[in-house]
């Protein structure tokens, strides 16, 4: 199973071993600060905005057009921005580190 580390807006690290599902679902299950997921993963709210560490960008892939449209509406984004509901954990992502964007 895969491991993911969330770095919260307050600087705390939340490490989840055996992560299954998308990053938003996992974050909500473990009460990760800053991940609301108001749309429950439908890619329609951007309340699960994270920044993927640069070394993981190739493995997580680029945002879809619909995802990018939502990201573009946010004020504090960059080329590492993704919606965590759109990143599905896999063995290839074992060790993934993401920063939770502040609201």
N, C-alpha and C. Protein backbone atom coordinates (compact mmCIF):
# COMPACT_ATOMS: atom_id res chain seq x y z
N UNK A 1 0.83 -1.19 0.00
CA UNK A 1 0.00 0.00 0.00
C UNK A 1 0.87 1.25 0.00
N UNK A 2 0.28 2.35 -0.37
CA UNK A 2 1.02 3.59 -0.54
C UNK A 2 0.94 4.49 0.70
N UNK A 3 1.96 5.30 0.88
CA UNK A 3 2.03 6.27 1.98
C UNK A 3 1.96 7.67 1.39
N UNK A 4 1.22 8.57 2.08
CA UNK A 4 1.15 9.96 1.66
C UNK A 4 1.37 10.84 2.88
N UNK A 5 2.07 11.97 2.67
CA UNK A 5 2.30 12.94 3.73
C UNK A 5 1.67 14.26 3.32
N UNK A 6 0.84 14.80 4.22
CA UNK A 6 0.22 16.11 4.03
C UNK A 6 0.95 17.09 4.93
N UNK A 7 1.36 18.24 4.38
CA UNK A 7 1.91 19.32 5.19
C UNK A 7 0.81 20.36 5.30
N UNK A 8 0.32 20.57 6.52
CA UNK A 8 -0.84 21.44 6.73
C UNK A 8 -0.44 22.91 6.68
N UNK A 9 -1.43 23.81 6.56
CA UNK A 9 -1.11 25.24 6.54
C UNK A 9 -0.37 25.71 7.80
N UNK A 10 -0.57 25.04 8.93
CA UNK A 10 0.13 25.43 10.15
C UNK A 10 1.50 24.76 10.28
N UNK A 11 1.89 23.97 9.26
CA UNK A 11 3.22 23.37 9.24
C UNK A 11 3.31 21.97 9.82
N UNK A 12 2.21 21.42 10.29
CA UNK A 12 2.22 20.06 10.82
C UNK A 12 2.24 19.05 9.68
N UNK A 13 2.82 17.90 9.95
CA UNK A 13 2.82 16.81 8.97
C UNK A 13 1.85 15.73 9.43
N UNK A 14 1.02 15.29 8.50
CA UNK A 14 0.12 14.16 8.76
C UNK A 14 0.53 13.07 7.79
N UNK A 15 1.01 11.96 8.32
CA UNK A 15 1.46 10.84 7.50
C UNK A 15 0.41 9.74 7.56
N UNK A 16 -0.02 9.30 6.38
CA UNK A 16 -1.01 8.23 6.30
C UNK A 16 -0.37 7.03 5.60
N UNK A 17 -0.25 5.95 6.34
CA UNK A 17 0.24 4.69 5.78
C UNK A 17 -0.95 3.96 5.17
N UNK A 18 -0.73 3.10 4.22
CA UNK A 18 -1.80 2.32 3.60
C UNK A 18 -2.92 3.20 3.07
N UNK A 19 -2.56 4.28 2.39
CA UNK A 19 -3.53 5.23 1.85
C UNK A 19 -4.26 4.62 0.65
N UNK A 20 -5.59 4.61 0.73
CA UNK A 20 -6.42 4.08 -0.34
C UNK A 20 -7.48 5.12 -0.69
N UNK A 21 -7.67 5.37 -1.99
CA UNK A 21 -8.66 6.34 -2.43
C UNK A 21 -7.99 7.57 -3.00
N UNK A 22 -8.76 8.66 -3.12
CA UNK A 22 -8.15 9.90 -3.60
C UNK A 22 -7.67 10.70 -2.39
N UNK A 23 -6.80 11.67 -2.66
CA UNK A 23 -6.17 12.42 -1.57
C UNK A 23 -7.17 13.17 -0.71
N UNK A 24 -8.27 13.66 -1.30
CA UNK A 24 -9.28 14.37 -0.52
C UNK A 24 -9.99 13.42 0.44
N UNK A 25 -10.38 12.24 -0.04
CA UNK A 25 -11.06 11.26 0.82
C UNK A 25 -10.17 10.86 1.99
N UNK A 26 -8.91 10.61 1.69
CA UNK A 26 -7.96 10.21 2.73
C UNK A 26 -7.80 11.33 3.75
N UNK A 27 -7.64 12.56 3.27
CA UNK A 27 -7.46 13.71 4.16
C UNK A 27 -8.67 13.90 5.07
N UNK A 28 -9.85 13.75 4.53
CA UNK A 28 -11.06 13.90 5.35
C UNK A 28 -11.14 12.79 6.40
N UNK A 29 -10.77 11.58 6.02
CA UNK A 29 -10.81 10.46 6.97
C UNK A 29 -9.87 10.69 8.14
N UNK A 30 -8.74 11.35 7.87
CA UNK A 30 -7.74 11.59 8.91
C UNK A 30 -7.77 13.03 9.44
N UNK A 31 -8.84 13.76 9.17
CA UNK A 31 -9.03 15.13 9.67
C UNK A 31 -7.83 16.03 9.39
N UNK A 32 -7.34 15.99 8.18
CA UNK A 32 -6.21 16.84 7.80
C UNK A 32 -6.68 18.29 7.72
N UNK A 33 -6.02 19.15 8.47
CA UNK A 33 -6.35 20.57 8.50
C UNK A 33 -6.29 21.18 7.10
N UNK A 34 -7.33 21.94 6.74
CA UNK A 34 -7.34 22.68 5.49
C UNK A 34 -7.99 21.98 4.32
N UNK A 35 -8.36 20.71 4.47
CA UNK A 35 -9.04 19.98 3.40
C UNK A 35 -10.51 19.87 3.78
N UNK A 36 -11.35 20.66 3.10
CA UNK A 36 -12.78 20.63 3.39
C UNK A 36 -13.50 19.62 2.50
N UNK A 37 -13.27 19.70 1.21
CA UNK A 37 -13.95 18.78 0.29
C UNK A 37 -15.44 18.99 0.27
N UNK A 38 -15.87 20.23 0.17
CA UNK A 38 -17.30 20.58 0.24
C UNK A 38 -18.15 19.87 -0.80
N UNK A 39 -17.60 19.58 -1.96
CA UNK A 39 -18.38 18.93 -3.03
C UNK A 39 -18.27 17.41 -2.97
N UNK A 40 -17.60 16.89 -1.96
CA UNK A 40 -17.40 15.45 -1.77
C UNK A 40 -16.65 14.79 -2.92
N UNK A 41 -15.80 15.54 -3.58
CA UNK A 41 -14.95 14.96 -4.62
C UNK A 41 -15.49 15.04 -6.02
N UNK A 42 -16.45 15.92 -6.25
CA UNK A 42 -17.06 16.04 -7.60
C UNK A 42 -16.31 17.02 -8.50
N UNK A 43 -15.19 17.55 -8.04
CA UNK A 43 -14.41 18.53 -8.81
C UNK A 43 -15.26 19.74 -9.16
N UNK A 44 -15.90 20.31 -8.11
CA UNK A 44 -16.73 21.49 -8.37
C UNK A 44 -16.59 22.58 -7.31
N UNK A 45 -15.59 22.47 -6.41
CA UNK A 45 -15.52 23.50 -5.36
C UNK A 45 -14.12 24.03 -5.06
N UNK A 46 -13.08 23.29 -5.26
CA UNK A 46 -11.69 23.69 -4.99
C UNK A 46 -11.37 23.85 -3.51
N UNK A 47 -12.18 23.27 -2.61
CA UNK A 47 -11.87 23.35 -1.18
C UNK A 47 -10.93 22.22 -0.72
N UNK A 48 -10.29 21.58 -1.68
CA UNK A 48 -9.31 20.53 -1.37
C UNK A 48 -7.99 20.81 -2.09
N UNK A 49 -7.71 22.09 -2.30
CA UNK A 49 -6.52 22.54 -3.03
C UNK A 49 -5.24 22.13 -2.29
N UNK A 50 -4.34 21.49 -3.02
CA UNK A 50 -3.02 21.14 -2.49
C UNK A 50 -1.97 21.55 -3.52
N UNK A 51 -0.73 21.60 -3.03
CA UNK A 51 0.41 21.81 -3.92
C UNK A 51 1.27 20.56 -3.86
N UNK A 52 1.50 19.98 -5.01
CA UNK A 52 2.30 18.76 -5.11
C UNK A 52 3.77 19.15 -5.08
N UNK A 53 4.55 18.45 -4.27
CA UNK A 53 5.99 18.72 -4.24
C UNK A 53 6.56 18.50 -5.64
N UNK A 54 7.49 19.36 -6.09
CA UNK A 54 8.00 19.31 -7.47
C UNK A 54 8.45 17.94 -7.94
N UNK A 55 9.08 17.18 -7.07
CA UNK A 55 9.60 15.88 -7.48
C UNK A 55 8.50 14.85 -7.78
N UNK A 56 7.25 15.18 -7.46
CA UNK A 56 6.12 14.28 -7.70
C UNK A 56 5.24 14.71 -8.87
N UNK A 57 5.51 15.84 -9.46
CA UNK A 57 4.63 16.37 -10.51
C UNK A 57 4.47 15.42 -11.70
N UNK A 58 5.54 14.80 -12.13
CA UNK A 58 5.43 13.89 -13.28
C UNK A 58 4.55 12.68 -12.96
N UNK A 59 4.61 12.21 -11.73
CA UNK A 59 3.84 11.02 -11.37
C UNK A 59 2.37 11.32 -11.11
N UNK A 60 2.06 12.50 -10.58
CA UNK A 60 0.66 12.82 -10.32
C UNK A 60 -0.05 13.29 -11.57
N UNK A 61 0.70 13.75 -12.55
CA UNK A 61 0.10 14.20 -13.80
C UNK A 61 -0.43 15.62 -13.71
N UNK A 62 -0.90 16.10 -14.84
CA UNK A 62 -1.43 17.47 -14.92
C UNK A 62 -2.91 17.48 -14.61
N UNK A 63 -3.38 18.64 -14.22
CA UNK A 63 -4.81 18.84 -13.95
C UNK A 63 -5.61 18.70 -15.25
N UNK A 64 -6.81 18.16 -15.12
CA UNK A 64 -7.71 18.13 -16.27
C UNK A 64 -8.18 19.56 -16.55
N UNK A 65 -8.82 19.78 -17.67
CA UNK A 65 -9.32 21.12 -18.00
C UNK A 65 -10.32 21.60 -16.95
N UNK A 66 -11.24 20.74 -16.53
CA UNK A 66 -12.24 21.13 -15.53
C UNK A 66 -11.57 21.46 -14.20
N UNK A 67 -10.60 20.66 -13.81
CA UNK A 67 -9.86 20.92 -12.58
C UNK A 67 -9.09 22.23 -12.67
N UNK A 68 -8.42 22.47 -13.79
CA UNK A 68 -7.65 23.70 -13.96
C UNK A 68 -8.55 24.93 -13.93
N UNK A 69 -9.75 24.82 -14.48
CA UNK A 69 -10.70 25.95 -14.43
C UNK A 69 -10.99 26.35 -12.99
N UNK A 70 -11.17 25.38 -12.11
CA UNK A 70 -11.42 25.68 -10.70
C UNK A 70 -10.18 26.24 -10.03
N UNK A 71 -9.04 25.67 -10.32
CA UNK A 71 -7.79 26.16 -9.74
C UNK A 71 -7.57 27.61 -10.14
N UNK A 72 -7.87 27.94 -11.38
CA UNK A 72 -7.68 29.31 -11.87
C UNK A 72 -8.54 30.33 -11.14
N UNK A 73 -9.62 29.89 -10.50
CA UNK A 73 -10.48 30.79 -9.74
C UNK A 73 -9.91 31.11 -8.36
N UNK A 74 -8.96 30.32 -7.90
CA UNK A 74 -8.34 30.53 -6.60
C UNK A 74 -7.27 31.61 -6.69
N UNK A 75 -7.01 32.28 -5.57
CA UNK A 75 -6.07 33.40 -5.60
C UNK A 75 -4.62 32.98 -5.34
N UNK A 76 -4.40 31.91 -4.63
CA UNK A 76 -3.05 31.53 -4.22
C UNK A 76 -2.66 30.19 -4.85
N UNK A 77 -2.42 30.20 -6.16
CA UNK A 77 -2.10 28.97 -6.86
C UNK A 77 -0.77 29.11 -7.60
N UNK A 78 -0.23 27.99 -8.00
CA UNK A 78 0.96 27.99 -8.84
C UNK A 78 0.95 26.73 -9.70
N UNK A 79 2.04 26.47 -10.39
CA UNK A 79 2.08 25.33 -11.32
C UNK A 79 2.01 23.98 -10.61
N UNK A 80 2.17 23.97 -9.29
CA UNK A 80 2.09 22.73 -8.52
C UNK A 80 0.68 22.47 -7.98
N UNK A 81 -0.24 23.40 -8.21
CA UNK A 81 -1.59 23.31 -7.65
C UNK A 81 -2.41 22.20 -8.29
N UNK A 82 -3.07 21.43 -7.44
CA UNK A 82 -4.00 20.38 -7.87
C UNK A 82 -5.15 20.33 -6.88
N UNK A 83 -6.24 19.73 -7.28
CA UNK A 83 -7.33 19.44 -6.35
C UNK A 83 -7.11 18.02 -5.86
N UNK A 84 -7.07 17.85 -4.55
CA UNK A 84 -6.73 16.53 -4.01
C UNK A 84 -7.76 15.47 -4.35
N UNK A 85 -8.99 15.87 -4.66
CA UNK A 85 -10.01 14.89 -5.05
C UNK A 85 -9.72 14.27 -6.41
N UNK A 86 -8.80 14.86 -7.15
CA UNK A 86 -8.50 14.38 -8.49
C UNK A 86 -7.20 13.57 -8.57
N UNK A 87 -6.59 13.33 -7.42
CA UNK A 87 -5.37 12.52 -7.38
C UNK A 87 -5.67 11.22 -6.65
N UNK A 88 -5.67 10.14 -7.38
CA UNK A 88 -5.96 8.81 -6.84
C UNK A 88 -4.65 8.16 -6.40
N UNK A 89 -4.60 7.72 -5.15
CA UNK A 89 -3.40 7.06 -4.65
C UNK A 89 -3.17 5.74 -5.38
N UNK A 90 -1.90 5.42 -5.57
CA UNK A 90 -1.51 4.17 -6.21
C UNK A 90 -0.13 3.80 -5.68
N UNK A 91 0.30 2.59 -5.98
CA UNK A 91 1.64 2.18 -5.55
C UNK A 91 2.71 3.09 -6.14
N UNK A 92 2.46 3.62 -7.34
CA UNK A 92 3.41 4.53 -7.98
C UNK A 92 3.59 5.82 -7.18
N UNK A 93 2.57 6.19 -6.39
CA UNK A 93 2.63 7.43 -5.61
C UNK A 93 3.07 7.19 -4.17
N UNK A 94 3.58 6.00 -3.86
CA UNK A 94 4.04 5.70 -2.51
C UNK A 94 5.12 6.69 -2.10
N UNK A 95 4.88 7.40 -0.99
CA UNK A 95 5.82 8.41 -0.50
C UNK A 95 5.46 9.83 -0.90
N UNK A 96 4.35 10.00 -1.61
CA UNK A 96 3.91 11.32 -2.08
C UNK A 96 3.82 12.32 -0.93
N UNK A 97 4.26 13.56 -1.21
CA UNK A 97 4.16 14.65 -0.24
C UNK A 97 3.43 15.81 -0.91
N UNK A 98 2.38 16.30 -0.23
CA UNK A 98 1.63 17.45 -0.73
C UNK A 98 1.50 18.49 0.38
N UNK A 99 1.46 19.76 -0.03
CA UNK A 99 1.23 20.86 0.90
C UNK A 99 -0.23 21.28 0.76
N UNK A 100 -0.94 21.35 1.88
CA UNK A 100 -2.33 21.80 1.86
C UNK A 100 -2.32 23.32 1.75
N UNK A 101 -3.03 23.84 0.75
CA UNK A 101 -3.08 25.29 0.54
C UNK A 101 -3.95 25.94 1.62
N UNK A 102 -3.52 27.09 2.13
CA UNK A 102 -4.35 27.79 3.12
C UNK A 102 -5.60 28.38 2.48
N UNK A 103 -6.66 28.49 3.26
CA UNK A 103 -7.90 29.10 2.77
C UNK A 103 -7.73 30.59 2.70
